[in-house]
Amino acid sequence: MSPAQADSWLAATPTVQVLDVRTTEEFADGHLAKATLIPWTDKDFAVRAAKELDLRKPVLVYCRSGRRSTEAAGALGKLGFSEVRNLAGGILAWQQAGKPVHKPAPPPR
């Protein structure tokens, strides 16, 4: 789904789980609000997803450009998640559309 569609869906569906499948470093550079990080490249991706996410609630999955999240969305479907949607173009498209990105505050000095 496009960034505009995803933004509308997130606003209309408060139970959506937002899943970021990028690396820890990418996540630290900025992510969608309320995102859970489970890197697609982790060996235990499926185990963590089944444990940390609710199978009965919808999931919006994204990565940097859309490749990893497309693969992760397919894996989530095989795990039994009822509604999985992929953010087309990833966080890059989200940012290009002017959508907000959460950046953690820098550590105190």
Protein backbone atom coordinates (compact mmCIF):
# COMPACT_ATOMS: atom_id res chain seq x y z
CA MET A 1 0.00 0.00 0.00
CA SER A 2 1.13 3.55 -0.67
CA PRO A 3 2.29 5.85 2.12
CA ALA A 4 -0.98 7.83 1.87
CA GLN A 5 -3.04 4.63 2.11
CA ALA A 6 -0.93 3.37 5.01
CA ASP A 7 -1.26 6.68 6.86
CA SER A 8 -5.06 6.62 6.47
CA TRP A 9 -5.23 2.95 7.49
CA LEU A 10 -3.11 3.59 10.59
CA ALA A 11 -5.37 6.47 11.60
CA ALA A 12 -8.57 4.45 11.03
CA THR A 13 -7.35 1.18 12.57
CA PRO A 14 -5.98 1.72 16.09
CA THR A 15 -5.20 -1.98 16.55
CA VAL A 16 -2.61 -2.05 13.72
CA GLN A 17 0.78 -3.39 14.74
CA VAL A 18 3.60 -1.59 12.96
CA LEU A 19 6.55 -3.87 12.20
CA ASP A 20 9.94 -2.54 11.13
CA VAL A 21 12.09 -5.31 9.62
CA ARG A 22 15.25 -3.23 9.06
CA THR A 23 18.45 -3.47 11.08
CA THR A 24 18.88 -2.04 14.56
CA GLU A 25 21.07 0.72 13.12
CA GLU A 26 18.49 1.68 10.49
CA PHE A 27 15.76 1.71 13.14
CA ALA A 28 17.82 4.07 15.31
CA ASP A 29 18.03 6.54 12.40
CA GLY A 30 14.24 6.94 12.50
CA HIS A 31 11.12 4.82 12.31
CA LEU A 32 7.34 4.97 12.15
CA ALA A 33 5.57 5.75 15.41
CA LYS A 34 4.85 2.74 17.63
CA ALA A 35 6.98 0.45 15.46
CA THR A 36 8.26 -2.85 16.78
CA LEU A 37 11.69 -3.83 15.49
CA ILE A 38 12.22 -7.42 14.40
CA PRO A 39 14.98 -7.48 11.77
CA TRP A 40 14.16 -9.69 8.78
CA THR A 41 17.78 -10.85 8.68
CA ASP A 42 17.63 -12.27 12.22
CA LYS A 43 17.64 -16.07 12.28
CA ASP A 44 14.81 -16.07 14.80
CA PHE A 45 12.53 -13.66 12.86
CA ALA A 46 9.58 -16.08 12.69
CA VAL A 47 9.86 -17.09 16.35
CA ARG A 48 10.06 -13.48 17.52
CA ALA A 49 7.20 -12.35 15.28
CA ALA A 50 4.95 -15.13 16.58
CA LYS A 51 5.86 -14.26 20.16
CA GLU A 52 5.91 -10.45 20.03
CA LEU A 53 2.95 -9.78 17.72
CA ASP A 54 -0.72 -10.72 17.98
CA LEU A 55 -1.81 -13.05 15.14
CA ARG A 56 -5.36 -11.68 15.33
CA LYS A 57 -4.42 -8.02 14.84
CA PRO A 58 -3.52 -6.39 11.52
CA VAL A 59 0.13 -5.70 10.73
CA LEU A 60 1.77 -2.99 8.63
CA VAL A 61 5.28 -4.13 7.74
CA TYR A 62 7.99 -1.94 6.25
CA CYS A 63 11.71 -1.74 5.61
CA ARG A 64 13.93 0.78 3.83
CA SER A 65 12.70 0.35 0.26
CA GLY A 66 10.14 -2.47 0.29
CA ARG A 67 12.16 -5.57 -0.63
CA ARG A 68 12.71 -7.04 2.84
CA SER A 69 9.21 -6.13 3.99
CA THR A 70 7.68 -7.91 0.99
CA GLU A 71 9.50 -11.10 1.99
CA ALA A 72 8.64 -10.60 5.67
CA ALA A 73 4.96 -10.02 4.85
CA GLY A 74 4.86 -13.36 3.02
CA ALA A 75 6.46 -15.08 6.01
CA LEU A 76 3.93 -13.50 8.37
CA GLY A 77 1.09 -14.78 6.21
CA LYS A 78 2.52 -18.30 6.43
CA LEU A 79 2.72 -17.93 10.22
CA GLY A 80 -1.04 -17.35 10.29
CA PHE A 81 -1.31 -13.58 10.62
CA SER A 82 -4.77 -12.71 9.36
CA GLU A 83 -4.12 -9.28 7.84
CA VAL A 84 -0.67 -8.17 6.70
CA ARG A 85 -0.04 -5.11 4.57
CA ASN A 86 3.26 -3.95 3.13
CA LEU A 87 4.32 -0.31 2.87
CA ALA A 88 5.26 0.05 -0.80
CA GLY A 89 8.60 1.79 -1.19
CA GLY A 90 9.38 1.43 2.51
CA ILE A 91 10.36 4.24 4.82
CA LEU A 92 12.02 6.05 1.90
CA ALA A 93 8.65 6.46 0.18
CA TRP A 94 7.05 7.35 3.52
CA GLN A 95 9.56 10.17 4.05
CA GLN A 96 9.31 11.35 0.42
CA ALA A 97 5.55 11.65 0.97
CA GLY A 98 6.24 13.98 3.90
CA LYS A 99 4.98 11.54 6.53
CA PRO A 100 6.37 11.75 10.07
CA VAL A 101 9.30 9.66 11.28
CA HIS A 102 10.08 9.17 14.96
CA LYS A 103 13.70 9.79 15.83
CA PRO A 104 14.82 8.90 19.33
CA ALA A 105 16.23 11.72 21.42
CA PRO A 106 20.02 11.78 21.55
CA PRO A 107 21.50 10.46 24.79
CA PRO A 108 22.20 13.12 27.42
CA ARG A 109 25.74 14.50 27.51
